Amino acid sequence: MWYAIVGTDVPNSLEARKAARPAHLARLDALQNEGRLRLAGPFPAVDAADPGPAGFTGSLIVAEFDDLAAAQAWADADPYVAAGVYAQVSVKPFRQVYPS
């Protein structure tokens, strides 16, 4: 099943985000290589593709896991969690309707 993982950044976390980004992306690459990643990306803090020093407010990942517990365990092990980038992480089942 698909799961939506939404991480919400702590304020002023841009430097911690940059430092943890390679490890964060490596885990996403692994999901993608396994065919289990639907989409992933950050939420810019301002209305721009590159928010510069404004940074980001969080991230969205939609990926396939066996169950909610597996999705939650994967999210809990994210390098952004360990680096203190995320203030909180929400994991919910997701059912894609569009595009079909």
PDB file of N, CA and C in Angstrom:
ATOM      1  N   MET A   1       0.842  -1.175   0.000  1.00  0.00           N
ATOM      2  CA  MET A   1       0.000   0.000   0.000  1.00  0.00           C
ATOM      3  C   MET A   1       0.889   1.240   0.000  1.00  0.00           C
ATOM      4  N   TRP A   2       0.320   2.319  -0.504  1.00  0.00           N
ATOM      5  CA  TRP A   2       1.031   3.604  -0.526  1.00  0.00           C
ATOM      6  C   TRP A   2       0.807   4.352   0.783  1.00  0.00           C
ATOM      7  N   TYR A   3       1.829   5.109   1.185  1.00  0.00           N
ATOM      8  CA  TYR A   3       1.755   5.915   2.410  1.00  0.00           C
ATOM      9  C   TYR A   3       2.308   7.303   2.126  1.00  0.00           C
ATOM     10  N   ALA A   4       1.645   8.315   2.683  1.00  0.00           N
ATOM     11  CA  ALA A   4       2.117   9.697   2.600  1.00  0.00           C
ATOM     12  C   ALA A   4       2.861  10.005   3.893  1.00  0.00           C
ATOM     13  N   ILE A   5       4.085  10.432   3.735  1.00  0.00           N
ATOM     14  CA  ILE A   5       4.928  10.805   4.873  1.00  0.00           C
ATOM     15  C   ILE A   5       5.173  12.303   4.756  1.00  0.00           C
ATOM     16  N   VAL A   6       4.729  13.046   5.764  1.00  0.00           N
ATOM     17  CA  VAL A   6       4.886  14.498   5.766  1.00  0.00           C
ATOM     18  C   VAL A   6       5.734  14.884   6.974  1.00  0.00           C
ATOM     19  N   GLY A   7       6.903  15.426   6.674  1.00  0.00           N
ATOM     20  CA  GLY A   7       7.778  15.934   7.729  1.00  0.00           C
ATOM     21  C   GLY A   7       7.651  17.444   7.793  1.00  0.00           C
ATOM     22  N   THR A   8       7.515  17.968   8.997  1.00  0.00           N
ATOM     23  CA  THR A   8       7.422  19.407   9.207  1.00  0.00           C
ATOM     24  C   THR A   8       8.716  19.886   9.861  1.00  0.00           C
ATOM     25  N   ASP A   9       9.385  20.828   9.199  1.00  0.00           N
ATOM     26  CA  ASP A   9      10.676  21.312   9.680  1.00  0.00           C
ATOM     27  C   ASP A   9      10.550  22.190  10.925  1.00  0.00           C
ATOM     28  N   VAL A  10      11.578  22.142  11.752  1.00  0.00           N
ATOM     29  CA  VAL A  10      11.706  23.116  12.831  1.00  0.00           C
ATOM     30  C   VAL A  10      12.141  24.432  12.190  1.00  0.00           C
ATOM     31  N   PRO A  11      11.887  25.561  12.828  1.00  0.00           N
ATOM     32  CA  PRO A  11      12.364  26.836  12.269  1.00  0.00           C
ATOM     33  C   PRO A  11      13.888  26.849  12.155  1.00  0.00           C
ATOM     34  N   ASN A  12      14.373  27.539  11.145  1.00  0.00           N
ATOM     35  CA  ASN A  12      15.813  27.749  10.942  1.00  0.00           C
ATOM     36  C   ASN A  12      16.609  26.447  10.839  1.00  0.00           C
ATOM     37  N   SER A  13      16.056  25.474  10.118  1.00  0.00           N
ATOM     38  CA  SER A  13      16.712  24.169  10.007  1.00  0.00           C
ATOM     39  C   SER A  13      17.476  23.988   8.700  1.00  0.00           C
ATOM     40  N   LEU A  14      17.635  25.048   7.928  1.00  0.00           N
ATOM     41  CA  LEU A  14      18.231  24.911   6.597  1.00  0.00           C
ATOM     42  C   LEU A  14      19.629  24.295   6.633  1.00  0.00           C
ATOM     43  N   GLU A  15      20.489  24.731   7.526  1.00  0.00           N
ATOM     44  CA  GLU A  15      21.857  24.194   7.568  1.00  0.00           C
ATOM     45  C   GLU A  15      21.855  22.723   7.960  1.00  0.00           C
ATOM     46  N   ALA A  16      21.028  22.346   8.918  1.00  0.00           N
ATOM     47  CA  ALA A  16      20.921  20.932   9.313  1.00  0.00           C
ATOM     48  C   ALA A  16      20.351  20.109   8.165  1.00  0.00           C
ATOM     49  N   ARG A  17      19.406  20.669   7.439  1.00  0.00           N
ATOM     50  CA  ARG A  17      18.812  19.996   6.277  1.00  0.00           C
ATOM     51  C   ARG A  17      19.886  19.754   5.212  1.00  0.00           C
ATOM     52  N   LYS A  18      20.668  20.776   4.925  1.00  0.00           N
ATOM     53  CA  LYS A  18      21.729  20.632   3.913  1.00  0.00           C
ATOM     54  C   LYS A  18      22.735  19.547   4.316  1.00  0.00           C
ATOM     55  N   ALA A  19      23.102  19.521   5.588  1.00  0.00           N
ATOM     56  CA  ALA A  19      24.090  18.544   6.055  1.00  0.00           C
ATOM     57  C   ALA A  19      23.559  17.109   5.974  1.00  0.00           C
ATOM     58  N   ALA A  20      22.277  16.919   6.248  1.00  0.00           N
ATOM     59  CA  ALA A  20      21.696  15.571   6.264  1.00  0.00           C
ATOM     60  C   ALA A  20      21.147  15.146   4.905  1.00  0.00           C
ATOM     61  N   ARG A  21      21.110  16.062   3.954  1.00  0.00           N
ATOM     62  CA  ARG A  21      20.472  15.793   2.658  1.00  0.00           C
ATOM     63  C   ARG A  21      21.063  14.605   1.899  1.00  0.00           C
ATOM     64  N   PRO A  22      22.379  14.447   1.803  1.00  0.00           N
ATOM     65  CA  PRO A  22      22.899  13.285   1.053  1.00  0.00           C
ATOM     66  C   PRO A  22      22.395  11.944   1.600  1.00  0.00           C
ATOM     67  N   ALA A  23      22.366  11.786   2.908  1.00  0.00           N
ATOM     68  CA  ALA A  23      21.878  10.535   3.502  1.00  0.00           C
ATOM     69  C   ALA A  23      20.372  10.387   3.289  1.00  0.00           C
ATOM     70  N   HIS A  24      19.649  11.486   3.387  1.00  0.00           N
ATOM     71  CA  HIS A  24      18.199  11.479   3.150  1.00  0.00           C
ATOM     72  C   HIS A  24      17.913  11.046   1.708  1.00  0.00           C
ATOM     73  N   LEU A  25      18.632  11.629   0.749  1.00  0.00           N
ATOM     74  CA  LEU A  25      18.418  11.294  -0.655  1.00  0.00           C
ATOM     75  C   LEU A  25      18.829   9.859  -0.972  1.00  0.00           C
ATOM     76  N   ALA A  26      19.838   9.344  -0.308  1.00  0.00           N
ATOM     77  CA  ALA A  26      20.268   7.959  -0.534  1.00  0.00           C
ATOM     78  C   ALA A  26      19.141   6.991  -0.199  1.00  0.00           C
ATOM     79  N   ARG A  27      18.412   7.268   0.862  1.00  0.00           N
ATOM     80  CA  ARG A  27      17.285   6.400   1.231  1.00  0.00           C
ATOM     81  C   ARG A  27      16.163   6.503   0.204  1.00  0.00           C
ATOM     82  N   LEU A  28      15.933   7.703  -0.310  1.00  0.00           N
ATOM     83  CA  LEU A  28      14.919   7.875  -1.350  1.00  0.00           C
ATOM     84  C   LEU A  28      15.357   7.189  -2.643  1.00  0.00           C
ATOM     85  N   ASP A  29      16.633   7.274  -2.970  1.00  0.00           N
ATOM     86  CA  ASP A  29      17.157   6.572  -4.140  1.00  0.00           C
ATOM     87  C   ASP A  29      16.918   5.069  -4.023  1.00  0.00           C
ATOM     88  N   ALA A  30      17.113   4.526  -2.839  1.00  0.00           N
ATOM     89  CA  ALA A  30      16.893   3.094  -2.628  1.00  0.00           C
ATOM     90  C   ALA A  30      15.429   2.736  -2.877  1.00  0.00           C
ATOM     91  N   LEU A  31      14.509   3.547  -2.356  1.00  0.00           N
ATOM     92  CA  LEU A  31      13.082   3.300  -2.609  1.00  0.00           C
ATOM     93  C   LEU A  31      12.785   3.377  -4.105  1.00  0.00           C
ATOM     94  N   GLN A  32      13.353   4.372  -4.763  1.00  0.00           N
ATOM     95  CA  GLN A  32      13.117   4.540  -6.195  1.00  0.00           C
ATOM     96  C   GLN A  32      13.660   3.339  -6.974  1.00  0.00           C
ATOM     97  N   ASN A  33      14.839   2.879  -6.626  1.00  0.00           N
ATOM     98  CA  ASN A  33      15.440   1.732  -7.309  1.00  0.00           C
ATOM     99  C   ASN A  33      14.629   0.458  -7.113  1.00  0.00           C
ATOM    100  N   GLU A  34      13.898   0.388  -6.003  1.00  0.00           N
ATOM    101  CA  GLU A  34      13.033  -0.760  -5.715  1.00  0.00           C
ATOM    102  C   GLU A  34      11.645  -0.591  -6.340  1.00  0.00           C
ATOM    103  N   GLY A  35      11.396   0.541  -6.994  1.00  0.00           N
ATOM    104  CA  GLY A  35      10.083   0.797  -7.592  1.00  0.00           C
ATOM    105  C   GLY A  35       9.007   1.133  -6.582  1.00  0.00           C
ATOM    106  N   ARG A  36       9.406   1.634  -5.405  1.00  0.00           N
ATOM    107  CA  ARG A  36       8.457   1.894  -4.321  1.00  0.00           C
ATOM    108  C   ARG A  36       8.248   3.379  -4.025  1.00  0.00           C
ATOM    109  N   LEU A  37       8.846   4.257  -4.828  1.00  0.00           N
ATOM    110  CA  LEU A  37       8.711   5.695  -4.595  1.00  0.00           C
ATOM    111  C   LEU A  37       7.787   6.296  -5.652  1.00  0.00           C
ATOM    112  N   ARG A  38       6.712   6.938  -5.209  1.00  0.00           N
ATOM    113  CA  ARG A  38       5.775   7.582  -6.123  1.00  0.00           C
ATOM    114  C   ARG A  38       6.180   9.025  -6.367  1.00  0.00           C
ATOM    115  N   LEU A  39       6.511   9.742  -5.285  1.00  0.00           N
ATOM    116  CA  LEU A  39       6.997  11.115  -5.410  1.00  0.00           C
ATOM    117  C   LEU A  39       7.617  11.539  -4.098  1.00  0.00           C
ATOM    118  N   ALA A  40       8.468  12.554  -4.181  1.00  0.00           N
ATOM    119  CA  ALA A  40       9.109  13.092  -2.987  1.00  0.00           C
ATOM    120  C   ALA A  40       9.631  14.484  -3.293  1.00  0.00           C
ATOM    121  N   GLY A  41       9.582  15.347  -2.300  1.00  0.00           N
ATOM    122  CA  GLY A  41      10.139  16.682  -2.461  1.00  0.00           C
ATOM    123  C   GLY A  41       9.831  17.557  -1.269  1.00  0.00           C
ATOM    124  N   PRO A  42      10.531  18.698  -1.206  1.00  0.00           N
ATOM    125  CA  PRO A  42      10.364  19.622  -0.090  1.00  0.00           C
ATOM    126  C   PRO A  42       9.296  20.679  -0.367  1.00  0.00           C
ATOM    127  N   PHE A  43       8.866  21.327   0.700  1.00  0.00           N
ATOM    128  CA  PHE A  43       7.958  22.471   0.629  1.00  0.00           C
ATOM    129  C   PHE A  43       8.793  23.744   0.807  1.00  0.00           C
ATOM    130  N   PRO A  44       9.016  24.522  -0.261  1.00  0.00           N
ATOM    131  CA  PRO A  44       9.762  25.776  -0.097  1.00  0.00           C
ATOM    132  C   PRO A  44       9.031  26.720   0.872  1.00  0.00           C
ATOM    133  N   ALA A  45       9.787  27.453   1.648  1.00  0.00           N
ATOM    134  CA  ALA A  45       9.209  28.383   2.615  1.00  0.00           C
ATOM    135  C   ALA A  45       8.626  29.630   1.951  1.00  0.00           C
ATOM    136  N   VAL A  46       9.035  29.876   0.708  1.00  0.00           N
ATOM    137  CA  VAL A  46       8.520  31.013  -0.062  1.00  0.00           C
ATOM    138  C   VAL A  46       8.107  30.503  -1.442  1.00  0.00           C
ATOM    139  N   ASP A  47       7.366  31.293  -2.165  1.00  0.00           N
ATOM    140  CA  ASP A  47       6.839  30.903  -3.473  1.00  0.00           C
ATOM    141  C   ASP A  47       7.926  30.989  -4.540  1.00  0.00           C
ATOM    142  N   ALA A  48       8.849  30.019  -4.488  1.00  0.00           N
ATOM    143  CA  ALA A  48       9.961  29.982  -5.429  1.00  0.00           C
ATOM    144  C   ALA A  48      10.504  28.558  -5.484  1.00  0.00           C
ATOM    145  N   ALA A  49      10.945  28.145  -6.670  1.00  0.00           N
ATOM    146  CA  ALA A  49      11.532  26.809  -6.803  1.00  0.00           C
ATOM    147  C   ALA A  49      12.786  26.682  -5.945  1.00  0.00           C
ATOM    148  N   ASP A  50      13.577  27.749  -5.886  1.00  0.00           N
ATOM    149  CA  ASP A  50      14.763  27.792  -5.027  1.00  0.00           C
ATOM    150  C   ASP A  50      14.533  28.876  -3.981  1.00  0.00           C
ATOM    151  N   PRO A  51      14.178  28.491  -2.756  1.00  0.00           N
ATOM    152  CA  PRO A  51      13.853  29.488  -1.745  1.00  0.00           C
ATOM    153  C   PRO A  51      15.057  30.189  -1.131  1.00  0.00           C
ATOM    154  N   GLY A  52      16.266  29.789  -1.533  1.00  0.00           N
ATOM    155  CA  GLY A  52      17.459  30.430  -0.986  1.00  0.00           C
ATOM    156  C   GLY A  52      17.506  30.325   0.524  1.00  0.00           C
ATOM    157  N   PRO A  53      17.881  31.398   1.211  1.00  0.00           N
ATOM    158  CA  PRO A  53      18.034  31.338   2.669  1.00  0.00           C
ATOM    159  C   PRO A  53      16.713  31.171   3.422  1.00  0.00           C
ATOM    160  N   ALA A  54      15.575  31.365   2.743  1.00  0.00           N
ATOM    161  CA  ALA A  54      14.285  31.144   3.412  1.00  0.00           C
ATOM    162  C   ALA A  54      14.112  29.673   3.772  1.00  0.00           C
ATOM    163  N   GLY A  55      14.740  28.797   2.984  1.00  0.00           N
ATOM    164  CA  GLY A  55      14.707  27.375   3.294  1.00  0.00           C
ATOM    165  C   GLY A  55      13.391  26.701   2.978  1.00  0.00           C
ATOM    166  N   PHE A  56      13.080  25.705   3.772  1.00  0.00           N
ATOM    167  CA  PHE A  56      11.919  24.857   3.538  1.00  0.00           C
ATOM    168  C   PHE A  56      11.109  24.704   4.821  1.00  0.00           C
ATOM    169  N   THR A  57       9.853  24.310   4.660  1.00  0.00           N
ATOM    170  CA  THR A  57       8.991  24.107   5.822  1.00  0.00           C
ATOM    171  C   THR A  57       8.712  22.644   6.091  1.00  0.00           C
ATOM    172  N   GLY A  58       9.185  21.779   5.202  1.00  0.00           N
ATOM    173  CA  GLY A  58       8.960  20.351   5.386  1.00  0.00           C
ATOM    174  C   GLY A  58       9.123  19.599   4.088  1.00  0.00           C
ATOM    175  N   SER A  59       8.661  18.352   4.095  1.00  0.00           N
ATOM    176  CA  SER A  59       8.800  17.481   2.932  1.00  0.00           C
ATOM    177  C   SER A  59       7.605  16.550   2.822  1.00  0.00           C
ATOM    178  N   LEU A  60       7.360  16.086   1.591  1.00  0.00           N
ATOM    179  CA  LEU A  60       6.340  15.081   1.314  1.00  0.00           C
ATOM    180  C   LEU A  60       6.994  13.913   0.595  1.00  0.00           C
ATOM    181  N   ILE A  61       6.712  12.718   1.068  1.00  0.00           N
ATOM    182  CA  ILE A  61       7.159  11.490   0.425  1.00  0.00           C
ATOM    183  C   ILE A  61       5.942  10.593   0.290  1.00  0.00           C
ATOM    184  N   VAL A  62       5.713  10.061  -0.892  1.00  0.00           N
ATOM    185  CA  VAL A  62       4.674   9.051  -1.086  1.00  0.00           C
ATOM    186  C   VAL A  62       5.384   7.800  -1.575  1.00  0.00           C
ATOM    187  N   ALA A  63       5.314   6.746  -0.765  1.00  0.00           N
ATOM    188  CA  ALA A  63       6.055   5.523  -1.058  1.00  0.00           C
ATOM    189  C   ALA A  63       5.252   4.307  -0.640  1.00  0.00           C
ATOM    190  N   GLU A  64       5.658   3.177  -1.170  1.00  0.00           N
ATOM    191  CA  GLU A  64       4.970   1.921  -0.911  1.00  0.00           C
ATOM    192  C   GLU A  64       5.682   1.138   0.194  1.00  0.00           C
ATOM    193  N   PHE A  65       4.883   0.664   1.150  1.00  0.00           N
ATOM    194  CA  PHE A  65       5.382  -0.160   2.245  1.00  0.00           C
ATOM    195  C   PHE A  65       4.397  -1.288   2.487  1.00  0.00           C
ATOM    196  N   ASP A  66       4.827  -2.326   3.189  1.00  0.00           N
ATOM    197  CA  ASP A  66       3.955  -3.463   3.466  1.00  0.00           C
ATOM    198  C   ASP A  66       2.777  -3.089   4.346  1.00  0.00           C
ATOM    199  N   ASP A  67       3.023  -2.185   5.294  1.00  0.00           N
ATOM    200  CA  ASP A  67       1.957  -1.775   6.206  1.00  0.00           C
ATOM    201  C   ASP A  67       2.349  -0.466   6.882  1.00  0.00           C
ATOM    202  N   LEU A  68       1.430   0.067   7.677  1.00  0.00           N
ATOM    203  CA  LEU A  68       1.646   1.345   8.349  1.00  0.00           C
ATOM    204  C   LEU A  68       2.845   1.292   9.288  1.00  0.00           C
ATOM    205  N   ALA A  69       3.008   0.182   9.982  1.00  0.00           N
ATOM    206  CA  ALA A  69       4.137   0.062  10.914  1.00  0.00           C
ATOM    207  C   ALA A  69       5.471   0.149  10.170  1.00  0.00           C
ATOM    208  N   ALA A  70       5.556  -0.473   8.996  1.00  0.00           N
ATOM    209  CA  ALA A  70       6.794  -0.419   8.212  1.00  0.00           C
ATOM    210  C   ALA A  70       7.050   0.994   7.697  1.00  0.00           C
ATOM    211  N   ALA A  71       5.987   1.668   7.271  1.00  0.00           N
ATOM    212  CA  ALA A  71       6.136   3.050   6.799  1.00  0.00           C
ATOM    213  C   ALA A  71       6.582   3.961   7.939  1.00  0.00           C
ATOM    214  N   GLN A  72       5.998   3.769   9.120  1.00  0.00           N
ATOM    215  CA  GLN A  72       6.357   4.589  10.276  1.00  0.00           C
ATOM    216  C   GLN A  72       7.802   4.339  10.693  1.00  0.00           C
ATOM    217  N   ALA A  73       8.215   3.075  10.679  1.00  0.00           N
ATOM    218  CA  ALA A  73       9.600   2.745  11.050  1.00  0.00           C
ATOM    219  C   ALA A  73      10.577   3.375  10.066  1.00  0.00           C
ATOM    220  N   TRP A  74      10.244   3.343   8.774  1.00  0.00           N
ATOM    221  CA  TRP A  74      11.109   3.952   7.766  1.00  0.00           C
ATOM    222  C   TRP A  74      11.203   5.457   8.010  1.00  0.00           C
ATOM    223  N   ALA A  75      10.062   6.085   8.267  1.00  0.00           N
ATOM    224  CA  ALA A  75      10.038   7.532   8.501  1.00  0.00           C
ATOM    225  C   ALA A  75      10.819   7.900   9.766  1.00  0.00           C
ATOM    226  N   ASP A  76      10.679   7.108  10.803  1.00  0.00           N
ATOM    227  CA  ASP A  76      11.379   7.382  12.062  1.00  0.00           C
ATOM    228  C   ASP A  76      12.894   7.307  11.909  1.00  0.00           C
ATOM    229  N   ALA A  77      13.367   6.527  10.936  1.00  0.00           N
ATOM    230  CA  ALA A  77      14.809   6.359  10.721  1.00  0.00           C
ATOM    231  C   ALA A  77      15.377   7.374   9.726  1.00  0.00           C
ATOM    232  N   ASP A  78      14.584   8.326   9.287  1.00  0.00           N
ATOM    233  CA  ASP A  78      15.054   9.312   8.309  1.00  0.00           C
ATOM    234  C   ASP A  78      16.178  10.159   8.898  1.00  0.00           C
ATOM    235  N   PRO A  79      17.228  10.402   8.121  1.00  0.00           N
ATOM    236  CA  PRO A  79      18.320  11.253   8.607  1.00  0.00           C
ATOM    237  C   PRO A  79      17.867  12.660   9.009  1.00  0.00           C
ATOM    238  N   TYR A  80      16.809  13.158   8.418  1.00  0.00           N
ATOM    239  CA  TYR A  80      16.300  14.471   8.841  1.00  0.00           C
ATOM    240  C   TYR A  80      15.744  14.417  10.265  1.00  0.00           C
ATOM    241  N   VAL A  81      15.219  13.298  10.670  1.00  0.00           N
ATOM    242  CA  VAL A  81      14.761  13.140  12.051  1.00  0.00           C
ATOM    243  C   VAL A  81      15.967  13.165  12.979  1.00  0.00           C
ATOM    244  N   ALA A  82      16.973  12.355  12.652  1.00  0.00           N
ATOM    245  CA  ALA A  82      18.177  12.271  13.490  1.00  0.00           C
ATOM    246  C   ALA A  82      18.901  13.608  13.584  1.00  0.00           C
ATOM    247  N   ALA A  83      18.868  14.390  12.494  1.00  0.00           N
ATOM    248  CA  ALA A  83      19.570  15.680  12.472  1.00  0.00           C
ATOM    249  C   ALA A  83      18.759  16.809  13.097  1.00  0.00           C
ATOM    250  N   GLY A  84      17.543  16.527  13.527  1.00  0.00           N
ATOM    251  CA  GLY A  84      16.720  17.556  14.143  1.00  0.00           C
ATOM    252  C   GLY A  84      16.082  18.507  13.147  1.00  0.00           C
ATOM    253  N   VAL A  85      15.999  18.108  11.879  1.00  0.00           N
ATOM    254  CA  VAL A  85      15.359  18.950  10.865  1.00  0.00           C
ATOM    255  C   VAL A  85      13.840  18.941  11.062  1.00  0.00           C
ATOM    256  N   TYR A  86      13.281  17.763  11.270  1.00  0.00           N
ATOM    257  CA  TYR A  86      11.833  17.627  11.402  1.00  0.00           C
ATOM    258  C   TYR A  86      11.391  17.813  12.849  1.00  0.00           C
ATOM    259  N   ALA A  87      10.413  18.672  13.048  1.00  0.00           N
ATOM    260  CA  ALA A  87       9.783  18.822  14.353  1.00  0.00           C
ATOM    261  C   ALA A  87       8.803  17.686  14.582  1.00  0.00           C
ATOM    262  N   GLN A  88       8.157  17.248  13.501  1.00  0.00           N
ATOM    263  CA  GLN A  88       7.222  16.133  13.584  1.00  0.00           C
ATOM    264  C   GLN A  88       7.103  15.472  12.222  1.00  0.00           C
ATOM    265  N   VAL A  89       6.684  14.214  12.249  1.00  0.00           N
ATOM    266  CA  VAL A  89       6.483  13.449  11.024  1.00  0.00           C
ATOM    267  C   VAL A  89       5.140  12.742  11.126  1.00  0.00           C
ATOM    268  N   SER A  90       4.342  12.897  10.088  1.00  0.00           N
ATOM    269  CA  SER A  90       3.041  12.241  10.015  1.00  0.00           C
ATOM    270  C   SER A  90       3.095  11.176   8.932  1.00  0.00           C
ATOM    271  N   VAL A  91       2.568   9.996   9.218  1.00  0.00           N
ATOM    272  CA  VAL A  91       2.520   8.908   8.247  1.00  0.00           C
ATOM    273  C   VAL A  91       1.074   8.436   8.152  1.00  0.00           C
ATOM    274  N   LYS A  92       0.526   8.472   6.921  1.00  0.00           N
ATOM    275  CA  LYS A  92      -0.868   8.076   6.714  1.00  0.00           C
ATOM    276  C   LYS A  92      -0.984   7.218   5.466  1.00  0.00           C
ATOM    277  N   PRO A  93      -1.908   6.246   5.478  1.00  0.00           N
ATOM    278  CA  PRO A  93      -2.182   5.506   4.259  1.00  0.00           C
ATOM    279  C   PRO A  93      -2.638   6.480   3.162  1.00  0.00           C
ATOM    280  N   PHE A  94      -2.272   6.170   1.927  1.00  0.00           N
ATOM    281  CA  PHE A  94      -2.588   7.046   0.805  1.00  0.00           C
ATOM    282  C   PHE A  94      -3.134   6.204  -0.338  1.00  0.00           C
ATOM    283  N   ARG A  95      -4.234   6.668  -0.906  1.00  0.00           N
ATOM    284  CA  ARG A  95      -4.804   6.002  -2.070  1.00  0.00           C
ATOM    285  C   ARG A  95      -4.810   6.963  -3.237  1.00  0.00           C
ATOM    286  N   GLN A  96      -4.014   6.685  -4.244  1.00  0.00           N
ATOM    287  CA  GLN A  96      -3.939   7.561  -5.408  1.00  0.00           C
ATOM    288  C   GLN A  96      -5.171   7.376  -6.281  1.00  0.00           C
ATOM    289  N   VAL A  97      -5.797   8.488  -6.660  1.00  0.00           N
ATOM    290  CA  VAL A  97      -6.931   8.475  -7.569  1.00  0.00           C
ATOM    291  C   VAL A  97      -6.529   9.059  -8.922  1.00  0.00           C
ATOM    292  N   TYR A  98      -5.836  10.186  -8.901  1.00  0.00           N
ATOM    293  CA  TYR A  98      -5.356  10.830 -10.127  1.00  0.00           C
ATOM    294  C   TYR A  98      -3.876  11.108 -10.035  1.00  0.00           C
ATOM    295  N   PRO A  99      -3.137  11.080 -11.119  1.00  0.00           N
ATOM    296  CA  PRO A  99      -3.590  10.563 -12.402  1.00  0.00           C
ATOM    297  C   PRO A  99      -3.776   9.055 -12.322  1.00  0.00           C
ATOM    298  N   SER A 100      -4.692   8.562 -13.128  1.00  0.00           N
ATOM    299  CA  SER A 100      -4.992   7.132 -13.109  1.00  0.00           C
ATOM    300  C   SER A 100      -4.187   6.383 -14.143  1.00  0.00           C
TER     301      SER A 100
END
